[in-house]
């Protein structure tokens, strides 16, 4: 059976998707930082920032103004409930030599996106995320590891060019890392959950 995602496939699509939206993503973060001090609004914009992979998974170039969409504020209770449930489980798991918490964290890594995209309950989002990532946790781990290694190697090489030039290039590398990382996350979410969800919905409608 063909695998839904591979490390090379996620990196390739993630790079393309992230770079296509680099200006919008940086603009969204700047707008979020500017308005983070505004009560109530800041909750909606923060939830919107967390949902960026959902928007990227749709394939089109996003607008940085999407973070001000009022729809994100309606998920305030569910969002904080989900975060609370995750913390209550991950903190005790971290006491067992960290690894169990990391594995659980990967299993639940799509939960916030599922919650905001499909409108399910926090507990259901956790279950669906764990089901979607089953058999792909190592792939997700190696995608994140590859991105980290690429960034470290790039910054190390840039440092050899001198403090000024190296510092500028390292800063650019960090700017590129953010949208590419989000692009990879969006690719993982689309391949593991969205496509499978659409197939499930289509099958249900035919029955």
N, C-alpha and C. Protein backbone atom coordinates (compact mmCIF):
# COMPACT_ATOMS: atom_id res chain seq x y z
N UNK A 1 0.84 -1.20 0.00
CA UNK A 1 0.00 0.00 0.00
C UNK A 1 0.88 1.25 0.00
N UNK A 2 0.54 2.20 -0.83
CA UNK A 2 1.33 3.44 -0.92
C UNK A 2 1.13 4.27 0.34
N UNK A 3 2.26 4.76 0.89
CA UNK A 3 2.18 5.58 2.10
C UNK A 3 1.61 6.95 1.79
N UNK A 4 0.83 7.48 2.73
CA UNK A 4 0.20 8.79 2.52
C UNK A 4 1.24 9.90 2.51
N UNK A 5 2.25 9.78 3.39
CA UNK A 5 3.30 10.79 3.42
C UNK A 5 4.66 10.14 3.54
N UNK A 6 5.66 10.80 2.97
CA UNK A 6 7.05 10.41 3.12
C UNK A 6 7.83 11.66 3.52
N UNK A 7 9.01 11.47 4.08
CA UNK A 7 9.81 12.62 4.50
C UNK A 7 10.12 13.52 3.30
N UNK A 8 10.59 12.91 2.22
CA UNK A 8 10.95 13.69 1.02
C UNK A 8 9.73 14.40 0.43
N UNK A 9 8.60 13.70 0.39
CA UNK A 9 7.39 14.29 -0.17
C UNK A 9 6.89 15.48 0.63
N UNK A 10 6.89 15.33 1.97
CA UNK A 10 6.44 16.43 2.83
C UNK A 10 7.36 17.64 2.70
N UNK A 11 8.68 17.39 2.68
CA UNK A 11 9.63 18.49 2.56
C UNK A 11 9.47 19.21 1.23
N UNK A 12 9.29 18.46 0.17
CA UNK A 12 9.14 19.08 -1.16
C UNK A 12 7.89 19.94 -1.22
N UNK A 13 6.76 19.39 -0.81
CA UNK A 13 5.51 20.15 -0.86
C UNK A 13 5.51 21.28 0.17
N UNK A 14 6.09 21.01 1.34
CA UNK A 14 6.14 22.02 2.40
C UNK A 14 6.96 23.23 2.00
N UNK A 15 8.11 22.99 1.35
CA UNK A 15 8.94 24.10 0.88
C UNK A 15 8.16 24.96 -0.11
N UNK A 16 7.51 24.32 -1.08
CA UNK A 16 6.78 25.06 -2.11
C UNK A 16 5.62 25.84 -1.51
N UNK A 17 4.88 25.20 -0.62
CA UNK A 17 3.70 25.84 -0.02
C UNK A 17 4.10 26.99 0.89
N UNK A 18 5.14 26.77 1.69
CA UNK A 18 5.59 27.82 2.62
C UNK A 18 6.15 29.02 1.91
N UNK A 19 6.98 28.78 0.91
CA UNK A 19 7.60 29.90 0.20
C UNK A 19 6.57 30.68 -0.61
N UNK A 20 5.53 29.98 -1.10
CA UNK A 20 4.47 30.67 -1.84
C UNK A 20 3.72 31.65 -0.96
N UNK A 21 3.67 31.36 0.34
CA UNK A 21 2.92 32.19 1.28
C UNK A 21 3.80 32.98 2.23
N UNK A 22 5.09 33.07 1.94
CA UNK A 22 6.02 33.67 2.90
C UNK A 22 5.65 35.10 3.28
N UNK A 23 5.28 35.92 2.31
CA UNK A 23 4.94 37.31 2.60
C UNK A 23 3.68 37.39 3.47
N UNK A 24 2.68 36.58 3.15
CA UNK A 24 1.43 36.58 3.91
C UNK A 24 1.66 36.11 5.35
N UNK A 25 2.49 35.08 5.51
CA UNK A 25 2.73 34.53 6.84
C UNK A 25 3.49 35.51 7.73
N UNK A 26 4.50 36.13 7.17
CA UNK A 26 5.25 37.14 7.94
C UNK A 26 4.34 38.31 8.27
N UNK A 27 3.49 38.72 7.31
CA UNK A 27 2.54 39.80 7.56
C UNK A 27 1.56 39.45 8.66
N UNK A 28 1.08 38.20 8.67
CA UNK A 28 0.13 37.76 9.70
C UNK A 28 0.77 37.81 11.08
N UNK A 29 2.02 37.38 11.18
CA UNK A 29 2.72 37.39 12.47
C UNK A 29 2.94 38.83 12.94
N UNK A 30 3.30 39.71 12.02
CA UNK A 30 3.51 41.12 12.38
C UNK A 30 2.21 41.73 12.90
N UNK A 31 1.10 41.47 12.21
CA UNK A 31 -0.20 41.98 12.64
C UNK A 31 -0.59 41.41 14.00
N UNK A 32 -0.27 40.14 14.22
CA UNK A 32 -0.56 39.50 15.51
C UNK A 32 0.24 40.17 16.63
N UNK A 33 1.52 40.44 16.38
CA UNK A 33 2.36 41.08 17.39
C UNK A 33 1.90 42.50 17.70
N UNK A 34 1.44 43.20 16.67
CA UNK A 34 0.99 44.59 16.85
C UNK A 34 -0.29 44.64 17.69
N UNK A 35 -1.16 43.65 17.53
CA UNK A 35 -2.48 43.68 18.20
C UNK A 35 -2.57 42.74 19.40
N UNK A 36 -1.46 42.13 19.81
CA UNK A 36 -1.49 41.14 20.89
C UNK A 36 -1.92 41.76 22.22
N UNK A 37 -1.81 43.07 22.36
CA UNK A 37 -2.15 43.75 23.62
C UNK A 37 -3.64 44.07 23.73
N UNK A 38 -4.40 43.85 22.67
CA UNK A 38 -5.83 44.20 22.67
C UNK A 38 -6.65 43.03 23.23
N UNK A 39 -7.28 43.22 24.41
CA UNK A 39 -8.04 42.12 25.03
C UNK A 39 -9.15 41.60 24.12
N UNK A 40 -9.42 40.33 24.24
CA UNK A 40 -10.45 39.62 23.49
C UNK A 40 -10.05 39.42 22.03
N UNK A 41 -9.68 40.51 21.34
CA UNK A 41 -9.23 40.38 19.97
C UNK A 41 -8.00 39.50 19.89
N UNK A 42 -7.12 39.63 20.91
CA UNK A 42 -5.87 38.87 20.88
C UNK A 42 -6.10 37.36 20.99
N UNK A 43 -7.20 36.97 21.62
CA UNK A 43 -7.50 35.54 21.72
C UNK A 43 -7.85 35.00 20.33
N UNK A 44 -8.68 35.74 19.60
CA UNK A 44 -9.07 35.32 18.26
C UNK A 44 -7.90 35.28 17.31
N UNK A 45 -7.03 36.30 17.38
CA UNK A 45 -5.88 36.32 16.48
C UNK A 45 -4.88 35.22 16.83
N UNK A 46 -4.74 34.90 18.10
CA UNK A 46 -3.84 33.81 18.51
C UNK A 46 -4.36 32.46 18.02
N UNK A 47 -5.67 32.24 18.15
CA UNK A 47 -6.26 31.00 17.64
C UNK A 47 -6.08 30.93 16.12
N UNK A 48 -6.24 32.08 15.46
CA UNK A 48 -6.06 32.13 14.00
C UNK A 48 -4.62 31.77 13.61
N UNK A 49 -3.66 32.28 14.37
CA UNK A 49 -2.26 31.97 14.10
C UNK A 49 -2.01 30.47 14.23
N UNK A 50 -2.65 29.86 15.22
CA UNK A 50 -2.51 28.41 15.42
C UNK A 50 -3.15 27.61 14.29
N UNK A 51 -4.08 28.25 13.58
CA UNK A 51 -4.80 27.53 12.50
C UNK A 51 -4.17 27.73 11.13
N UNK A 52 -3.02 28.39 11.06
CA UNK A 52 -2.39 28.68 9.78
C UNK A 52 -2.23 27.44 8.89
N UNK A 53 -1.77 26.29 9.44
CA UNK A 53 -1.66 25.10 8.57
C UNK A 53 -2.98 24.68 7.93
N UNK A 54 -4.09 24.95 8.61
CA UNK A 54 -5.40 24.64 8.04
C UNK A 54 -5.63 25.48 6.79
N UNK A 55 -5.32 26.77 6.90
CA UNK A 55 -5.50 27.67 5.75
C UNK A 55 -4.55 27.30 4.62
N UNK A 56 -3.31 26.96 4.97
CA UNK A 56 -2.33 26.59 3.95
C UNK A 56 -2.72 25.30 3.24
N UNK A 57 -3.36 24.39 3.97
CA UNK A 57 -3.72 23.09 3.40
C UNK A 57 -4.72 23.22 2.26
N UNK A 58 -5.38 24.38 2.16
CA UNK A 58 -6.36 24.59 1.10
C UNK A 58 -5.70 24.92 -0.24
N UNK A 59 -4.39 25.19 -0.19
CA UNK A 59 -3.63 25.34 -1.43
C UNK A 59 -3.51 26.73 -2.00
N UNK A 60 -4.36 27.66 -1.55
CA UNK A 60 -4.29 29.00 -2.14
C UNK A 60 -3.42 29.92 -1.28
N UNK A 61 -3.06 31.07 -1.83
CA UNK A 61 -2.28 32.05 -1.09
C UNK A 61 -3.20 32.74 -0.09
N UNK A 62 -2.83 32.71 1.18
CA UNK A 62 -3.68 33.28 2.22
C UNK A 62 -3.46 34.78 2.35
N UNK A 63 -4.43 35.47 2.95
CA UNK A 63 -4.30 36.88 3.24
C UNK A 63 -3.91 37.04 4.72
N UNK A 64 -2.94 37.88 5.03
CA UNK A 64 -2.55 38.07 6.44
C UNK A 64 -3.69 38.59 7.30
N UNK A 65 -4.71 39.19 6.67
CA UNK A 65 -5.84 39.74 7.42
C UNK A 65 -6.80 38.66 7.93
N UNK A 66 -6.56 37.41 7.53
CA UNK A 66 -7.46 36.35 7.95
C UNK A 66 -7.47 36.18 9.47
N UNK A 67 -6.41 36.62 10.15
CA UNK A 67 -6.33 36.44 11.60
C UNK A 67 -7.39 37.26 12.35
N UNK A 68 -7.99 38.24 11.66
CA UNK A 68 -9.01 39.07 12.30
C UNK A 68 -10.42 38.54 12.06
N UNK A 69 -10.55 37.42 11.41
CA UNK A 69 -11.87 36.83 11.16
C UNK A 69 -12.53 36.47 12.49
N UNK A 70 -13.75 36.93 12.69
CA UNK A 70 -14.47 36.73 13.95
C UNK A 70 -14.75 35.26 14.25
N UNK A 71 -14.71 34.40 13.23
CA UNK A 71 -15.06 32.99 13.44
C UNK A 71 -14.12 32.31 14.42
N UNK A 72 -12.88 32.80 14.52
CA UNK A 72 -11.92 32.15 15.40
C UNK A 72 -12.26 32.36 16.87
N UNK A 73 -12.91 33.47 17.19
CA UNK A 73 -13.25 33.74 18.58
C UNK A 73 -14.35 32.82 19.10
N UNK A 74 -15.13 32.23 18.20
CA UNK A 74 -16.19 31.34 18.65
C UNK A 74 -15.65 30.01 19.17
N UNK A 75 -14.38 29.73 18.87
CA UNK A 75 -13.75 28.49 19.34
C UNK A 75 -12.94 28.71 20.62
N UNK A 76 -13.13 29.84 21.28
CA UNK A 76 -12.33 30.19 22.44
C UNK A 76 -12.38 29.10 23.52
N UNK A 77 -13.59 28.70 23.90
CA UNK A 77 -13.75 27.70 24.96
C UNK A 77 -13.16 26.37 24.57
N UNK A 78 -13.46 25.90 23.35
CA UNK A 78 -12.94 24.61 22.89
C UNK A 78 -11.42 24.63 22.76
N UNK A 79 -10.87 25.76 22.31
CA UNK A 79 -9.43 25.88 22.13
C UNK A 79 -8.70 25.72 23.45
N UNK A 80 -9.14 26.46 24.46
CA UNK A 80 -8.47 26.40 25.76
C UNK A 80 -8.73 25.06 26.46
N UNK A 81 -9.89 24.47 26.22
CA UNK A 81 -10.16 23.14 26.78
C UNK A 81 -9.20 22.12 26.18
N UNK A 82 -9.00 22.19 24.87
CA UNK A 82 -8.09 21.27 24.21
C UNK A 82 -6.66 21.44 24.72
N UNK A 83 -6.22 22.68 24.84
CA UNK A 83 -4.87 22.93 25.36
C UNK A 83 -4.74 22.37 26.77
N UNK A 84 -5.77 22.58 27.59
CA UNK A 84 -5.75 22.07 28.96
C UNK A 84 -5.68 20.55 29.01
N UNK A 85 -6.46 19.89 28.19
CA UNK A 85 -6.45 18.42 28.14
C UNK A 85 -5.07 17.90 27.73
N UNK A 86 -4.47 18.56 26.76
CA UNK A 86 -3.16 18.14 26.29
C UNK A 86 -2.10 18.31 27.37
N UNK A 87 -2.14 19.45 28.07
CA UNK A 87 -1.16 19.70 29.12
C UNK A 87 -1.32 18.74 30.28
N UNK A 88 -2.56 18.44 30.65
CA UNK A 88 -2.82 17.52 31.76
C UNK A 88 -2.25 16.13 31.48
N UNK A 89 -2.18 15.75 30.22
CA UNK A 89 -1.65 14.44 29.85
C UNK A 89 -0.15 14.47 29.57
N UNK A 90 0.31 15.53 28.91
CA UNK A 90 1.71 15.58 28.50
C UNK A 90 2.67 15.83 29.66
N UNK A 91 2.24 16.63 30.63
CA UNK A 91 3.13 16.92 31.77
C UNK A 91 3.45 15.65 32.57
N UNK A 92 2.45 14.84 32.97
CA UNK A 92 2.79 13.58 33.66
C UNK A 92 3.61 12.63 32.77
N UNK A 93 3.28 12.59 31.47
CA UNK A 93 4.01 11.71 30.56
C UNK A 93 5.47 12.12 30.45
N UNK A 94 5.74 13.42 30.57
CA UNK A 94 7.11 13.92 30.47
C UNK A 94 7.98 13.44 31.63
N UNK A 95 7.35 13.06 32.73
CA UNK A 95 8.10 12.57 33.88
C UNK A 95 8.72 11.20 33.61
N UNK A 96 8.20 10.48 32.62
CA UNK A 96 8.72 9.16 32.27
C UNK A 96 9.76 9.29 31.15
N UNK A 97 10.85 10.00 31.46
CA UNK A 97 12.00 10.14 30.56
C UNK A 97 11.66 10.83 29.24
N UNK A 98 10.65 11.69 29.24
CA UNK A 98 10.31 12.60 28.13
C UNK A 98 9.77 11.89 26.88
N UNK A 99 10.34 10.77 26.50
CA UNK A 99 9.98 10.12 25.23
C UNK A 99 8.48 9.84 25.09
N UNK A 100 7.81 9.28 26.14
CA UNK A 100 6.36 9.06 25.99
C UNK A 100 5.60 10.35 25.67
N UNK A 101 6.00 11.45 26.31
CA UNK A 101 5.33 12.73 26.07
C UNK A 101 5.54 13.18 24.63
N UNK A 102 6.73 12.96 24.11
CA UNK A 102 7.02 13.37 22.73
C UNK A 102 6.19 12.55 21.74
N UNK A 103 6.08 11.25 21.99
CA UNK A 103 5.29 10.38 21.11
C UNK A 103 3.82 10.79 21.14
N UNK A 104 3.31 11.02 22.36
CA UNK A 104 1.92 11.46 22.49
C UNK A 104 1.73 12.81 21.81
N UNK A 105 2.72 13.69 21.97
CA UNK A 105 2.64 15.01 21.35
C UNK A 105 2.54 14.94 19.84
N UNK A 106 3.30 14.03 19.22
CA UNK A 106 3.21 13.85 17.78
C UNK A 106 1.84 13.30 17.41
N UNK A 107 1.36 12.35 18.22
CA UNK A 107 0.04 11.77 17.95
C UNK A 107 -1.07 12.80 18.00
N UNK A 108 -0.91 13.79 18.85
CA UNK A 108 -1.93 14.82 19.00
C UNK A 108 -1.61 16.10 18.23
N UNK A 109 -0.58 16.08 17.41
CA UNK A 109 -0.11 17.30 16.75
C UNK A 109 -1.11 17.91 15.77
N UNK A 110 -2.09 17.12 15.33
CA UNK A 110 -3.08 17.64 14.39
C UNK A 110 -4.38 18.05 15.08
N UNK A 111 -4.46 17.85 16.38
CA UNK A 111 -5.72 18.04 17.11
C UNK A 111 -6.27 19.47 16.99
N UNK A 112 -5.41 20.45 17.16
CA UNK A 112 -5.87 21.86 17.09
C UNK A 112 -6.43 22.16 15.71
N UNK A 113 -5.78 21.65 14.67
CA UNK A 113 -6.24 21.90 13.30
C UNK A 113 -7.58 21.22 13.05
N UNK A 114 -7.73 20.00 13.55
CA UNK A 114 -8.99 19.27 13.38
C UNK A 114 -10.11 19.98 14.12
N UNK A 115 -9.82 20.45 15.32
CA UNK A 115 -10.81 21.18 16.13
C UNK A 115 -11.31 22.41 15.38
N UNK A 116 -10.39 23.21 14.87
CA UNK A 116 -10.74 24.47 14.23
C UNK A 116 -11.30 24.29 12.82
N UNK A 117 -10.87 23.24 12.14
CA UNK A 117 -11.28 23.02 10.76
C UNK A 117 -12.62 22.29 10.66
N UNK A 118 -12.82 21.29 11.53
CA UNK A 118 -14.00 20.44 11.44
C UNK A 118 -15.03 20.70 12.53
N UNK A 119 -14.69 21.51 13.52
CA UNK A 119 -15.66 21.87 14.55
C UNK A 119 -16.06 20.74 15.48
N UNK A 120 -15.17 19.75 15.67
CA UNK A 120 -15.48 18.63 16.56
C UNK A 120 -15.14 19.03 18.00
N UNK A 121 -15.49 18.18 18.95
CA UNK A 121 -15.19 18.46 20.35
C UNK A 121 -13.69 18.27 20.60
N UNK A 122 -13.15 18.88 21.67
CA UNK A 122 -11.73 18.73 21.98
C UNK A 122 -11.29 17.27 22.12
N UNK A 123 -12.08 16.47 22.82
CA UNK A 123 -11.71 15.06 23.01
C UNK A 123 -11.73 14.30 21.69
N UNK A 124 -12.71 14.61 20.84
CA UNK A 124 -12.79 13.94 19.55
C UNK A 124 -11.63 14.35 18.65
N UNK A 125 -11.21 15.61 18.75
CA UNK A 125 -10.08 16.08 17.97
C UNK A 125 -8.80 15.33 18.34
N UNK A 126 -8.63 15.06 19.63
CA UNK A 126 -7.46 14.30 20.08
C UNK A 126 -7.49 12.88 19.54
N UNK A 127 -8.65 12.26 19.61
CA UNK A 127 -8.79 10.88 19.12
C UNK A 127 -8.53 10.82 17.61
N UNK A 128 -9.12 11.73 16.86
CA UNK A 128 -8.96 11.73 15.40
C UNK A 128 -7.52 12.02 15.00
N UNK A 129 -6.86 12.90 15.74
CA UNK A 129 -5.46 13.20 15.46
C UNK A 129 -4.60 11.97 15.68
N UNK A 130 -4.83 11.29 16.79
CA UNK A 130 -4.06 10.08 17.09
C UNK A 130 -4.28 9.00 16.03
N UNK A 131 -5.52 8.90 15.57
CA UNK A 131 -5.83 7.91 14.52
C UNK A 131 -5.16 8.28 13.20
N UNK A 132 -5.20 9.57 12.86
CA UNK A 132 -4.64 10.03 11.59
C UNK A 132 -3.12 9.86 11.53
N UNK A 133 -2.44 10.04 12.67
CA UNK A 133 -0.98 9.96 12.69
C UNK A 133 -0.47 8.55 12.97
N UNK A 134 -1.37 7.61 13.21
CA UNK A 134 -0.95 6.24 13.51
C UNK A 134 -0.17 5.65 12.33
N UNK A 135 1.03 5.17 12.61
CA UNK A 135 1.88 4.61 11.57
C UNK A 135 2.76 5.65 10.88
N UNK A 136 2.59 6.93 11.25
CA UNK A 136 3.35 7.99 10.59
C UNK A 136 4.14 8.85 11.58
N UNK A 137 4.20 8.44 12.84
CA UNK A 137 4.88 9.25 13.85
C UNK A 137 6.37 9.39 13.55
N UNK A 138 7.01 8.31 13.10
CA UNK A 138 8.43 8.40 12.75
C UNK A 138 8.63 9.33 11.56
N UNK A 139 7.73 9.27 10.61
CA UNK A 139 7.84 10.16 9.44
C UNK A 139 7.76 11.62 9.87
N UNK A 140 6.78 11.93 10.73
CA UNK A 140 6.64 13.30 11.22
C UNK A 140 7.87 13.72 12.01
N UNK A 141 8.39 12.80 12.83
CA UNK A 141 9.60 13.09 13.61
C UNK A 141 10.76 13.43 12.70
N UNK A 142 10.97 12.63 11.66
CA UNK A 142 12.12 12.85 10.77
C UNK A 142 11.94 14.10 9.90
N UNK A 143 10.70 14.48 9.60
CA UNK A 143 10.47 15.74 8.90
C UNK A 143 10.93 16.90 9.76
N UNK A 144 10.51 16.89 11.04
CA UNK A 144 10.92 17.96 11.96
C UNK A 144 12.43 17.95 12.19
N UNK A 145 13.00 16.74 12.29
CA UNK A 145 14.46 16.63 12.48
C UNK A 145 15.20 17.17 11.27
N UNK A 146 14.74 16.84 10.09
CA UNK A 146 15.39 17.31 8.85
C UNK A 146 15.35 18.84 8.76
N UNK A 147 14.21 19.43 9.10
CA UNK A 147 14.10 20.89 9.07
C UNK A 147 15.07 21.53 10.06
N UNK A 148 15.17 20.94 11.25
CA UNK A 148 16.08 21.46 12.26
C UNK A 148 17.53 21.36 11.83
N UNK A 149 17.89 20.23 11.23
CA UNK A 149 19.27 20.03 10.77
C UNK A 149 19.61 21.01 9.65
N UNK A 150 18.68 21.18 8.72
CA UNK A 150 18.90 22.12 7.61
C UNK A 150 19.16 23.53 8.15
N UNK A 151 18.36 23.94 9.14
CA UNK A 151 18.52 25.27 9.73
C UNK A 151 19.86 25.39 10.45
N UNK A 152 20.24 24.38 11.23
CA UNK A 152 21.50 24.42 11.97
C UNK A 152 22.70 24.45 11.04
N UNK A 153 22.67 23.62 10.00
CA UNK A 153 23.77 23.59 9.04
C UNK A 153 23.89 24.93 8.31
N UNK A 154 22.75 25.48 7.91
CA UNK A 154 22.76 26.76 7.20
C UNK A 154 23.33 27.88 8.07
N UNK A 155 22.88 27.95 9.32
CA UNK A 155 23.37 29.01 10.22
C UNK A 155 24.85 28.83 10.53
N UNK A 156 25.29 27.56 10.65
CA UNK A 156 26.71 27.30 10.91
C UNK A 156 27.56 27.79 9.74
N UNK A 157 27.12 27.49 8.52
CA UNK A 157 27.86 27.93 7.33
C UNK A 157 27.87 29.45 7.24
N UNK A 158 26.73 30.07 7.53
CA UNK A 158 26.64 31.53 7.46
C UNK A 158 27.54 32.19 8.48
N UNK A 159 27.71 31.58 9.64
CA UNK A 159 28.57 32.14 10.69
C UNK A 159 30.01 32.25 10.21
N UNK A 160 30.41 31.34 9.31
CA UNK A 160 31.79 31.35 8.79
C UNK A 160 32.05 32.54 7.88
N UNK A 161 30.98 33.19 7.44
CA UNK A 161 31.12 34.32 6.51
C UNK A 161 31.35 35.64 7.23
N UNK A 162 31.38 35.59 8.55
CA UNK A 162 31.58 36.82 9.32
C UNK A 162 30.34 37.21 10.09
N UNK A 163 30.51 38.05 11.10
CA UNK A 163 29.41 38.42 11.98
C UNK A 163 28.30 39.17 11.26
N UNK A 164 28.68 40.14 10.43
CA UNK A 164 27.66 40.97 9.77
C UNK A 164 26.89 40.20 8.71
N UNK A 165 27.62 39.71 7.71
CA UNK A 165 26.97 38.97 6.63
C UNK A 165 26.34 37.69 7.17
N UNK A 166 27.06 37.00 8.04
CA UNK A 166 26.54 35.76 8.62
C UNK A 166 25.29 35.99 9.44
N UNK A 167 25.28 37.12 10.18
CA UNK A 167 24.10 37.44 10.99
C UNK A 167 22.89 37.73 10.13
N UNK A 168 23.10 38.46 9.05
CA UNK A 168 22.00 38.80 8.13
C UNK A 168 21.45 37.54 7.47
N UNK A 169 22.35 36.69 6.99
CA UNK A 169 21.92 35.46 6.31
C UNK A 169 21.25 34.49 7.29
N UNK A 170 21.73 34.46 8.54
CA UNK A 170 21.11 33.60 9.55
C UNK A 170 19.70 34.08 9.86
N UNK A 171 19.52 35.40 9.91
CA UNK A 171 18.20 35.97 10.16
C UNK A 171 17.25 35.60 9.02
N UNK A 172 17.74 35.68 7.78
CA UNK A 172 16.93 35.30 6.62
C UNK A 172 16.57 33.82 6.69
N UNK A 173 17.53 33.01 7.14
CA UNK A 173 17.28 31.57 7.26
C UNK A 173 16.16 31.29 8.25
N UNK A 174 16.16 32.02 9.38
CA UNK A 174 15.10 31.85 10.37
C UNK A 174 13.75 32.31 9.81
N UNK A 175 13.76 33.38 9.02
CA UNK A 175 12.52 33.85 8.40
C UNK A 175 11.97 32.80 7.42
N UNK A 176 12.86 32.13 6.71
CA UNK A 176 12.44 31.11 5.75
C UNK A 176 11.97 29.84 6.48
N UNK A 177 12.61 29.55 7.62
CA UNK A 177 12.27 28.33 8.36
C UNK A 177 10.82 28.34 8.81
N UNK A 178 10.33 29.49 9.25
CA UNK A 178 8.97 29.59 9.78
C UNK A 178 7.91 29.20 8.74
N UNK A 179 7.87 29.83 7.57
CA UNK A 179 6.84 29.43 6.59
C UNK A 179 7.03 28.02 6.04
N UNK A 180 8.29 27.59 5.89
CA UNK A 180 8.53 26.24 5.38
C UNK A 180 8.05 25.20 6.39
N UNK A 181 8.31 25.43 7.67
CA UNK A 181 7.84 24.53 8.72
C UNK A 181 6.31 24.45 8.72
N UNK A 182 5.66 25.60 8.59
CA UNK A 182 4.19 25.62 8.54
C UNK A 182 3.69 24.93 7.27
N UNK A 183 4.41 25.09 6.17
CA UNK A 183 4.02 24.43 4.92
C UNK A 183 4.10 22.91 5.06
N UNK A 184 5.12 22.43 5.75
CA UNK A 184 5.26 20.99 5.98
C UNK A 184 4.14 20.48 6.89
N UNK A 185 3.82 21.25 7.92
CA UNK A 185 2.73 20.87 8.82
C UNK A 185 1.41 20.82 8.07
N UNK A 186 1.19 21.81 7.20
CA UNK A 186 -0.04 21.85 6.40
C UNK A 186 -0.13 20.64 5.47
N UNK A 187 1.00 20.27 4.90
CA UNK A 187 1.03 19.10 4.01
C UNK A 187 0.70 17.82 4.78
N UNK A 188 1.28 17.68 5.96
CA UNK A 188 1.00 16.51 6.80
C UNK A 188 -0.48 16.46 7.17
N UNK A 189 -1.03 17.61 7.56
CA UNK A 189 -2.45 17.67 7.94
C UNK A 189 -3.35 17.30 6.76
N UNK A 190 -3.05 17.85 5.60
CA UNK A 190 -3.88 17.58 4.42
C UNK A 190 -3.81 16.11 4.02
N UNK A 191 -2.61 15.57 3.97
CA UNK A 191 -2.44 14.19 3.51
C UNK A 191 -3.01 13.17 4.49
N UNK A 192 -2.78 13.40 5.79
CA UNK A 192 -3.17 12.40 6.79
C UNK A 192 -4.62 12.53 7.24
N UNK A 193 -5.15 13.76 7.23
CA UNK A 193 -6.51 13.91 7.76
C UNK A 193 -7.51 14.42 6.74
N UNK A 194 -7.23 15.55 6.11
CA UNK A 194 -8.22 16.18 5.23
C UNK A 194 -8.61 15.25 4.09
N UNK A 195 -7.62 14.69 3.40
CA UNK A 195 -7.93 13.80 2.27
C UNK A 195 -8.69 12.58 2.74
N UNK A 196 -8.27 12.02 3.89
CA UNK A 196 -8.96 10.86 4.45
C UNK A 196 -10.35 11.20 4.91
N UNK A 197 -10.53 12.39 5.45
CA UNK A 197 -11.84 12.84 5.92
C UNK A 197 -12.79 13.00 4.74
N UNK A 198 -12.29 13.55 3.64
CA UNK A 198 -13.12 13.74 2.45
C UNK A 198 -13.55 12.40 1.86
N UNK A 199 -12.62 11.43 1.87
CA UNK A 199 -12.96 10.10 1.38
C UNK A 199 -14.03 9.46 2.26
N UNK A 200 -13.87 9.63 3.58
CA UNK A 200 -14.83 9.06 4.53
C UNK A 200 -16.20 9.69 4.35
N UNK A 201 -16.24 11.01 4.14
CA UNK A 201 -17.50 11.71 3.93
C UNK A 201 -18.18 11.24 2.65
N UNK A 202 -17.38 11.06 1.59
CA UNK A 202 -17.92 10.62 0.31
C UNK A 202 -18.48 9.21 0.42
N UNK A 203 -17.80 8.34 1.15
CA UNK A 203 -18.27 6.97 1.34
C UNK A 203 -19.56 6.93 2.12
N UNK A 204 -19.65 7.78 3.15
CA UNK A 204 -20.83 7.85 3.99
C UNK A 204 -22.05 8.31 3.19
N UNK A 205 -21.84 9.29 2.30
CA UNK A 205 -22.93 9.83 1.51
C UNK A 205 -23.45 8.79 0.50
N UNK A 206 -22.57 7.88 0.05
CA UNK A 206 -22.96 6.89 -0.93
C UNK A 206 -23.74 5.73 -0.29
N UNK A 207 -23.58 5.54 1.00
CA UNK A 207 -24.23 4.42 1.69
C UNK A 207 -25.72 4.68 1.92
